PDB file of all heavy atoms in Angstrom:
ATOM      1  N   LEU A   1     -53.552 -20.975 -10.864  1.00  0.00           N
ATOM      2  CA  LEU A   1     -54.672 -21.414 -11.701  1.00  0.00           C
ATOM      3  C   LEU A   1     -54.392 -22.777 -12.328  1.00  0.00           C
ATOM      4  O   LEU A   1     -55.310 -23.579 -12.539  1.00  0.00           O
ATOM      5  CB  LEU A   1     -54.949 -20.386 -12.794  1.00  0.00           C
ATOM      6  CG  LEU A   1     -55.665 -19.103 -12.361  1.00  0.00           C
ATOM      7  CD1 LEU A   1     -55.713 -18.102 -13.517  1.00  0.00           C
ATOM      8  CD2 LEU A   1     -57.073 -19.410 -11.872  1.00  0.00           C
ATOM      9  N   ALA A   2     -53.122 -23.046 -12.642  1.00  0.00           N
ATOM     10  CA  ALA A   2     -52.768 -24.306 -13.290  1.00  0.00           C
ATOM     11  C   ALA A   2     -52.612 -25.451 -12.302  1.00  0.00           C
ATOM     12  O   ALA A   2     -52.693 -26.613 -12.681  1.00  0.00           O
ATOM     13  CB  ALA A   2     -51.467 -24.139 -14.083  1.00  0.00           C
ATOM     14  N   ALA A   3     -52.388 -25.136 -11.028  1.00  0.00           N
ATOM     15  CA  ALA A   3     -52.123 -26.172 -10.029  1.00  0.00           C
ATOM     16  C   ALA A   3     -53.408 -26.875  -9.617  1.00  0.00           C
ATOM     17  O   ALA A   3     -54.489 -26.281  -9.591  1.00  0.00           O
ATOM     18  CB  ALA A   3     -51.451 -25.556  -8.803  1.00  0.00           C
ATOM     19  N   ALA A   4     -53.266 -28.147  -9.292  1.00  0.00           N
ATOM     20  CA  ALA A   4     -54.411 -28.962  -8.867  1.00  0.00           C
ATOM     21  C   ALA A   4     -54.048 -29.710  -7.601  1.00  0.00           C
ATOM     22  O   ALA A   4     -52.891 -29.737  -7.175  1.00  0.00           O
ATOM     23  CB  ALA A   4     -54.802 -29.940  -9.981  1.00  0.00           C
ATOM     24  N   ALA A   5     -55.043 -30.334  -6.991  1.00  0.00           N
ATOM     25  CA  ALA A   5     -54.804 -31.146  -5.795  1.00  0.00           C
ATOM     26  C   ALA A   5     -53.778 -32.227  -6.118  1.00  0.00           C
ATOM     27  O   ALA A   5     -53.831 -32.858  -7.173  1.00  0.00           O
ATOM     28  CB  ALA A   5     -56.100 -31.772  -5.322  1.00  0.00           C
ATOM     29  N   GLY A   6     -52.847 -32.430  -5.218  1.00  0.00           N
ATOM     30  CA  GLY A   6     -51.800 -33.414  -5.446  1.00  0.00           C
ATOM     31  C   GLY A   6     -50.575 -32.843  -6.111  1.00  0.00           C
ATOM     32  O   GLY A   6     -49.610 -33.566  -6.353  1.00  0.00           O
ATOM     33  N   ASP A   7     -50.570 -31.548  -6.417  1.00  0.00           N
ATOM     34  CA  ASP A   7     -49.422 -30.911  -7.055  1.00  0.00           C
ATOM     35  C   ASP A   7     -48.484 -30.299  -6.025  1.00  0.00           C
ATOM     36  O   ASP A   7     -48.933 -29.720  -5.028  1.00  0.00           O
ATOM     37  CB  ASP A   7     -49.866 -29.780  -7.984  1.00  0.00           C
ATOM     38  CG  ASP A   7     -50.412 -30.292  -9.309  1.00  0.00           C
ATOM     39  OD1 ASP A   7     -50.392 -31.524  -9.534  1.00  0.00           O
ATOM     40  OD2 ASP A   7     -50.850 -29.459 -10.119  1.00  0.00           O
ATOM     41  N   MET A   8     -47.199 -30.420  -6.272  1.00  0.00           N
ATOM     42  CA  MET A   8     -46.210 -29.589  -5.615  1.00  0.00           C
ATOM     43  C   MET A   8     -45.776 -28.548  -6.645  1.00  0.00           C
ATOM     44  O   MET A   8     -45.465 -28.890  -7.788  1.00  0.00           O
ATOM     45  CB  MET A   8     -45.005 -30.409  -5.143  1.00  0.00           C
ATOM     46  CG  MET A   8     -43.869 -29.539  -4.568  1.00  0.00           C
ATOM     47  SD  MET A   8     -42.367 -30.490  -4.163  1.00  0.00           S
ATOM     48  CE  MET A   8     -42.914 -31.373  -2.703  1.00  0.00           C
ATOM     49  N   ILE A   9     -45.779 -27.287  -6.263  1.00  0.00           N
ATOM     50  CA  ILE A   9     -45.359 -26.218  -7.156  1.00  0.00           C
ATOM     51  C   ILE A   9     -43.887 -25.931  -6.913  1.00  0.00           C
ATOM     52  O   ILE A   9     -43.482 -25.638  -5.791  1.00  0.00           O
ATOM     53  CB  ILE A   9     -46.185 -24.941  -6.919  1.00  0.00           C
ATOM     54  CG1 ILE A   9     -47.662 -25.189  -7.221  1.00  0.00           C
ATOM     55  CG2 ILE A   9     -45.655 -23.787  -7.761  1.00  0.00           C
ATOM     56  CD1 ILE A   9     -48.565 -24.026  -6.842  1.00  0.00           C
ATOM     57  N   ALA A  10     -43.073 -26.029  -7.953  1.00  0.00           N
ATOM     58  CA  ALA A  10     -41.652 -25.687  -7.858  1.00  0.00           C
ATOM     59  C   ALA A  10     -41.461 -24.299  -8.453  1.00  0.00           C
ATOM     60  O   ALA A  10     -41.885 -24.033  -9.580  1.00  0.00           O
ATOM     61  CB  ALA A  10     -40.796 -26.706  -8.603  1.00  0.00           C
ATOM     62  N   ILE A  11     -40.827 -23.432  -7.688  1.00  0.00           N
ATOM     63  CA  ILE A  11     -40.704 -22.045  -8.107  1.00  0.00           C
ATOM     64  C   ILE A  11     -39.319 -21.529  -7.715  1.00  0.00           C
ATOM     65  O   ILE A  11     -38.810 -21.846  -6.643  1.00  0.00           O
ATOM     66  CB  ILE A  11     -41.834 -21.205  -7.466  1.00  0.00           C
ATOM     67  CG1 ILE A  11     -41.895 -19.807  -8.032  1.00  0.00           C
ATOM     68  CG2 ILE A  11     -41.733 -21.180  -5.961  1.00  0.00           C
ATOM     69  CD1 ILE A  11     -43.176 -19.066  -7.656  1.00  0.00           C
ATOM     70  N   ALA A  12     -38.690 -20.778  -8.602  1.00  0.00           N
ATOM     71  CA  ALA A  12     -37.362 -20.233  -8.334  1.00  0.00           C
ATOM     72  C   ALA A  12     -37.470 -18.879  -7.665  1.00  0.00           C
ATOM     73  O   ALA A  12     -38.459 -18.158  -7.831  1.00  0.00           O
ATOM     74  CB  ALA A  12     -36.567 -20.115  -9.634  1.00  0.00           C
ATOM     75  N   ARG A  13     -36.437 -18.522  -6.913  1.00  0.00           N
ATOM     76  CA  ARG A  13     -36.433 -17.232  -6.254  1.00  0.00           C
ATOM     77  C   ARG A  13     -36.488 -16.076  -7.244  1.00  0.00           C
ATOM     78  O   ARG A  13     -36.950 -14.998  -6.905  1.00  0.00           O
ATOM     79  CB  ARG A  13     -35.190 -17.100  -5.377  1.00  0.00           C
ATOM     80  CG  ARG A  13     -35.215 -18.011  -4.168  1.00  0.00           C
ATOM     81  CD  ARG A  13     -33.899 -17.970  -3.404  1.00  0.00           C
ATOM     82  NE  ARG A  13     -33.959 -18.872  -2.256  1.00  0.00           N
ATOM     83  CZ  ARG A  13     -34.326 -18.495  -1.036  1.00  0.00           C
ATOM     84  NH1 ARG A  13     -34.636 -17.249  -0.809  1.00  0.00           N
ATOM     85  NH2 ARG A  13     -34.358 -19.363  -0.045  1.00  0.00           N
ATOM     86  N   GLY A  14     -36.005 -16.288  -8.445  1.00  0.00           N
ATOM     87  CA  GLY A  14     -36.008 -15.220  -9.441  1.00  0.00           C
ATOM     88  C   GLY A  14     -37.228 -15.213 -10.333  1.00  0.00           C
ATOM     89  O   GLY A  14     -37.267 -14.508 -11.338  1.00  0.00           O
ATOM     90  N   PHE A  15     -38.260 -15.993  -9.965  1.00  0.00           N
ATOM     91  CA  PHE A  15     -39.441 -16.115 -10.816  1.00  0.00           C
ATOM     92  C   PHE A  15     -40.336 -14.886 -10.694  1.00  0.00           C
ATOM     93  O   PHE A  15     -40.699 -14.465  -9.595  1.00  0.00           O
ATOM     94  CB  PHE A  15     -40.239 -17.360 -10.438  1.00  0.00           C
ATOM     95  CG  PHE A  15     -41.550 -17.502 -11.166  1.00  0.00           C
ATOM     96  CD1 PHE A  15     -41.585 -17.968 -12.461  1.00  0.00           C
ATOM     97  CD2 PHE A  15     -42.740 -17.148 -10.554  1.00  0.00           C
ATOM     98  CE1 PHE A  15     -42.791 -18.092 -13.137  1.00  0.00           C
ATOM     99  CE2 PHE A  15     -43.948 -17.267 -11.207  1.00  0.00           C
ATOM    100  CZ  PHE A  15     -43.970 -17.744 -12.509  1.00  0.00           C
ATOM    101  N   GLY A  16     -40.716 -14.319 -11.834  1.00  0.00           N
ATOM    102  CA  GLY A  16     -41.719 -13.263 -11.888  1.00  0.00           C
ATOM    103  C   GLY A  16     -41.467 -12.137 -10.908  1.00  0.00           C
ATOM    104  O   GLY A  16     -40.359 -11.632 -10.755  1.00  0.00           O
ATOM    105  N   ALA A  17     -42.530 -11.758 -10.200  1.00  0.00           N
ATOM    106  CA  ALA A  17     -42.450 -10.630  -9.274  1.00  0.00           C
ATOM    107  C   ALA A  17     -41.568 -10.922  -8.078  1.00  0.00           C
ATOM    108  O   ALA A  17     -41.110 -10.006  -7.399  1.00  0.00           O
ATOM    109  CB  ALA A  17     -43.855 -10.255  -8.796  1.00  0.00           C
ATOM    110  N   LEU A  18     -41.282 -12.211  -7.804  1.00  0.00           N
ATOM    111  CA  LEU A  18     -40.447 -12.532  -6.643  1.00  0.00           C
ATOM    112  C   LEU A  18     -39.049 -11.948  -6.784  1.00  0.00           C
ATOM    113  O   LEU A  18     -38.387 -11.655  -5.795  1.00  0.00           O
ATOM    114  CB  LEU A  18     -40.347 -14.049  -6.465  1.00  0.00           C
ATOM    115  CG  LEU A  18     -41.644 -14.787  -6.150  1.00  0.00           C
ATOM    116  CD1 LEU A  18     -41.362 -16.267  -5.981  1.00  0.00           C
ATOM    117  CD2 LEU A  18     -42.302 -14.236  -4.902  1.00  0.00           C
ATOM    118  N   ALA A  19     -38.599 -11.758  -8.038  1.00  0.00           N
ATOM    119  CA  ALA A  19     -37.260 -11.225  -8.255  1.00  0.00           C
ATOM    120  C   ALA A  19     -37.157  -9.770  -7.826  1.00  0.00           C
ATOM    121  O   ALA A  19     -36.075  -9.273  -7.544  1.00  0.00           O
ATOM    122  CB  ALA A  19     -36.872 -11.362  -9.728  1.00  0.00           C
ATOM    123  N   GLN A  20     -38.284  -9.065  -7.772  1.00  0.00           N
ATOM    124  CA  GLN A  20     -38.254  -7.647  -7.434  1.00  0.00           C
ATOM    125  C   GLN A  20     -38.731  -7.354  -6.020  1.00  0.00           C
ATOM    126  O   GLN A  20     -38.763  -6.215  -5.604  1.00  0.00           O
ATOM    127  CB  GLN A  20     -39.131  -6.846  -8.415  1.00  0.00           C
ATOM    128  CG  GLN A  20     -38.538  -6.710  -9.817  1.00  0.00           C
ATOM    129  CD  GLN A  20     -38.727  -7.947 -10.652  1.00  0.00           C
ATOM    130  OE1 GLN A  20     -39.789  -8.540 -10.635  1.00  0.00           O
ATOM    131  NE2 GLN A  20     -37.699  -8.352 -11.372  1.00  0.00           N
ATOM    132  N   ILE A  21     -39.120  -8.366  -5.280  1.00  0.00           N
ATOM    133  CA  ILE A  21     -39.682  -8.145  -3.945  1.00  0.00           C
ATOM    134  C   ILE A  21     -38.599  -8.321  -2.899  1.00  0.00           C
ATOM    135  O   ILE A  21     -37.959  -9.381  -2.825  1.00  0.00           O
ATOM    136  CB  ILE A  21     -40.855  -9.117  -3.682  1.00  0.00           C
ATOM    137  CG1 ILE A  21     -42.005  -8.790  -4.632  1.00  0.00           C
ATOM    138  CG2 ILE A  21     -41.329  -9.006  -2.238  1.00  0.00           C
ATOM    139  CD1 ILE A  21     -43.164  -9.737  -4.534  1.00  0.00           C
ATOM    140  N   GLY A  22     -38.363  -7.293  -2.101  1.00  0.00           N
ATOM    141  CA  GLY A  22     -37.317  -7.359  -1.091  1.00  0.00           C
ATOM    142  C   GLY A  22     -37.583  -8.447  -0.069  1.00  0.00           C
ATOM    143  O   GLY A  22     -36.690  -9.193   0.303  1.00  0.00           O
ATOM    144  N   ARG A  23     -38.791  -8.540   0.433  1.00  0.00           N
ATOM    145  CA  ARG A  23     -39.132  -9.574   1.413  1.00  0.00           C
ATOM    146  C   ARG A  23     -39.982 -10.630   0.719  1.00  0.00           C
ATOM    147  O   ARG A  23     -41.183 -10.715   0.882  1.00  0.00           O
ATOM    148  CB  ARG A  23     -39.890  -8.954   2.589  1.00  0.00           C
ATOM    149  CG  ARG A  23     -39.123  -7.890   3.341  1.00  0.00           C
ATOM    150  CD  ARG A  23     -37.812  -8.431   3.913  1.00  0.00           C
ATOM    151  NE  ARG A  23     -38.020  -9.497   4.874  1.00  0.00           N
ATOM    152  CZ  ARG A  23     -38.251  -9.291   6.169  1.00  0.00           C
ATOM    153  NH1 ARG A  23     -38.296  -8.063   6.657  1.00  0.00           N
ATOM    154  NH2 ARG A  23     -38.434 -10.301   6.997  1.00  0.00           N
ATOM    155  N   LEU A  24     -39.311 -11.433  -0.106  1.00  0.00           N
ATOM    156  CA  LEU A  24     -40.046 -12.411  -0.902  1.00  0.00           C
ATOM    157  C   LEU A  24     -40.768 -13.420  -0.031  1.00  0.00           C
ATOM    158  O   LEU A  24     -41.762 -14.016  -0.447  1.00  0.00           O
ATOM    159  CB  LEU A  24     -39.122 -13.119  -1.887  1.00  0.00           C
ATOM    160  CG  LEU A  24     -37.990 -14.029  -1.390  1.00  0.00           C
ATOM    161  CD1 LEU A  24     -38.486 -15.422  -1.076  1.00  0.00           C
ATOM    162  CD2 LEU A  24     -36.885 -14.097  -2.413  1.00  0.00           C
ATOM    163  N   SER A  25     -40.298 -13.621   1.212  1.00  0.00           N
ATOM    164  CA  SER A  25     -40.919 -14.618   2.075  1.00  0.00           C
ATOM    165  C   SER A  25     -42.367 -14.267   2.395  1.00  0.00           C
ATOM    166  O   SER A  25     -43.207 -15.152   2.558  1.00  0.00           O
ATOM    167  CB  SER A  25     -40.121 -14.758   3.367  1.00  0.00           C
ATOM    168  OG  SER A  25     -39.978 -13.500   3.984  1.00  0.00           O
ATOM    169  N   ARG A  26     -42.678 -12.988   2.519  1.00  0.00           N
ATOM    170  CA  ARG A  26     -44.060 -12.603   2.800  1.00  0.00           C
ATOM    171  C   ARG A  26     -44.955 -12.947   1.609  1.00  0.00           C
ATOM    172  O   ARG A  26     -46.082 -13.404   1.787  1.00  0.00           O
ATOM    173  CB  ARG A  26     -44.132 -11.118   3.122  1.00  0.00           C
ATOM    174  CG  ARG A  26     -43.418 -10.765   4.414  1.00  0.00           C
ATOM    175  CD  ARG A  26     -43.519  -9.314   4.758  1.00  0.00           C
ATOM    176  NE  ARG A  26     -42.749  -9.026   5.963  1.00  0.00           N
ATOM    177  CZ  ARG A  26     -42.597  -7.815   6.479  1.00  0.00           C
ATOM    178  NH1 ARG A  26     -43.159  -6.773   5.891  1.00  0.00           N
ATOM    179  NH2 ARG A  26     -41.880  -7.634   7.574  1.00  0.00           N
ATOM    180  N   ARG A  27     -44.447 -12.706   0.417  1.00  0.00           N
ATOM    181  CA  ARG A  27     -45.203 -13.071  -0.784  1.00  0.00           C
ATOM    182  C   ARG A  27     -45.386 -14.582  -0.859  1.00  0.00           C
ATOM    183  O   ARG A  27     -46.464 -15.083  -1.188  1.00  0.00           O
ATOM    184  CB  ARG A  27     -44.465 -12.551  -2.022  1.00  0.00           C
ATOM    185  CG  ARG A  27     -45.214 -12.755  -3.316  1.00  0.00           C
ATOM    186  CD  ARG A  27     -46.390 -11.830  -3.399  1.00  0.00           C
ATOM    187  NE  ARG A  27     -47.085 -11.928  -4.666  1.00  0.00           N
ATOM    188  CZ  ARG A  27     -48.158 -11.232  -4.961  1.00  0.00           C
ATOM    189  NH1 ARG A  27     -48.657 -10.390  -4.079  1.00  0.00           N
ATOM    190  NH2 ARG A  27     -48.754 -11.367  -6.130  1.00  0.00           N
ATOM    191  N   LEU A  28     -44.322 -15.315  -0.551  1.00  0.00           N
ATOM    192  CA  LEU A  28     -44.397 -16.770  -0.594  1.00  0.00           C
ATOM    193  C   LEU A  28     -45.369 -17.312   0.437  1.00  0.00           C
ATOM    194  O   LEU A  28     -46.043 -18.313   0.213  1.00  0.00           O
ATOM    195  CB  LEU A  28     -43.008 -17.374  -0.374  1.00  0.00           C
ATOM    196  CG  LEU A  28     -42.078 -17.277  -1.577  1.00  0.00           C
ATOM    197  CD1 LEU A  28     -40.649 -17.548  -1.166  1.00  0.00           C
ATOM    198  CD2 LEU A  28     -42.526 -18.238  -2.671  1.00  0.00           C
ATOM    199  N   ARG A  29     -45.461 -16.651   1.597  1.00  0.00           N
ATOM    200  CA  ARG A  29     -46.425 -17.079   2.606  1.00  0.00           C
ATOM    201  C   ARG A  29     -47.840 -16.992   2.045  1.00  0.00           C
ATOM    202  O   ARG A  29     -48.662 -17.895   2.226  1.00  0.00           O
ATOM    203  CB  ARG A  29     -46.292 -16.216   3.855  1.00  0.00           C
ATOM    204  CG  ARG A  29     -47.206 -16.634   4.998  1.00  0.00           C
ATOM    205  CD  ARG A  29     -47.139 -15.608   6.115  1.00  0.00           C
ATOM    206  NE  ARG A  29     -45.823 -15.588   6.714  1.00  0.00           N
ATOM    207  CZ  ARG A  29     -45.445 -16.393   7.707  1.00  0.00           C
ATOM    208  NH1 ARG A  29     -46.299 -17.289   8.179  1.00  0.00           N
ATOM    209  NH2 ARG A  29     -44.246 -16.320   8.217  1.00  0.00           N
ATOM    210  N   LEU A  30     -48.143 -15.916   1.334  1.00  0.00           N
ATOM    211  CA  LEU A  30     -49.471 -15.751   0.738  1.00  0.00           C
ATOM    212  C   LEU A  30     -49.718 -16.799  -0.340  1.00  0.00           C
ATOM    213  O   LEU A  30     -50.817 -17.334  -0.463  1.00  0.00           O
ATOM    214  CB  LEU A  30     -49.607 -14.341   0.150  1.00  0.00           C
ATOM    215  CG  LEU A  30     -49.581 -13.185   1.156  1.00  0.00           C
ATOM    216  CD1 LEU A  30     -49.638 -11.853   0.423  1.00  0.00           C
ATOM    217  CD2 LEU A  30     -50.733 -13.298   2.141  1.00  0.00           C
ATOM    218  N   ILE A  31     -48.687 -17.091  -1.127  1.00  0.00           N
ATOM    219  CA  ILE A  31     -48.837 -18.114  -2.167  1.00  0.00           C
ATOM    220  C   ILE A  31     -49.087 -19.475  -1.519  1.00  0.00           C
ATOM    221  O   ILE A  31     -49.934 -20.250  -1.966  1.00  0.00           O
ATOM    222  CB  ILE A  31     -47.584 -18.160  -3.060  1.00  0.00           C
ATOM    223  CG1 ILE A  31     -47.408 -16.828  -3.807  1.00  0.00           C
ATOM    224  CG2 ILE A  31     -47.680 -19.304  -4.070  1.00  0.00           C
ATOM    225  CD1 ILE A  31     -46.105 -16.735  -4.572  1.00  0.00           C
ATOM    226  N   ALA A  32     -48.346 -19.777  -0.442  1.00  0.00           N
ATOM    227  CA  ALA A  32     -48.490 -21.074   0.226  1.00  0.00           C
ATOM    228  C   ALA A  32     -49.889 -21.269   0.783  1.00  0.00           C
ATOM    229  O   ALA A  32     -50.445 -22.375   0.747  1.00  0.00           O
ATOM    230  CB  ALA A  32     -47.451 -21.200   1.339  1.00  0.00           C
ATOM    231  N   VAL A  33     -50.481 -20.204   1.303  1.00  0.00           N
ATOM    232  CA  VAL A  33     -51.829 -20.305   1.856  1.00  0.00           C
ATOM    233  C   VAL A  33     -52.836 -20.646   0.764  1.00  0.00           C
ATOM    234  O   VAL A  33     -53.799 -21.377   0.986  1.00  0.00           O
ATOM    235  CB  VAL A  33     -52.210 -18.989   2.572  1.00  0.00           C
ATOM    236  CG1 VAL A  33     -53.695 -18.948   2.893  1.00  0.00           C
ATOM    237  CG2 VAL A  33     -51.397 -18.831   3.852  1.00  0.00           C
TER     238      VAL A  33
END
């Protein structure tokens, strides 16, 4: 919601729900889309 055109989002592997997700790459794929 905070990101805008021209932004790169920097996110850590331990951020939020990513820390509890075994296959974080699938979640990241959805975020990237």
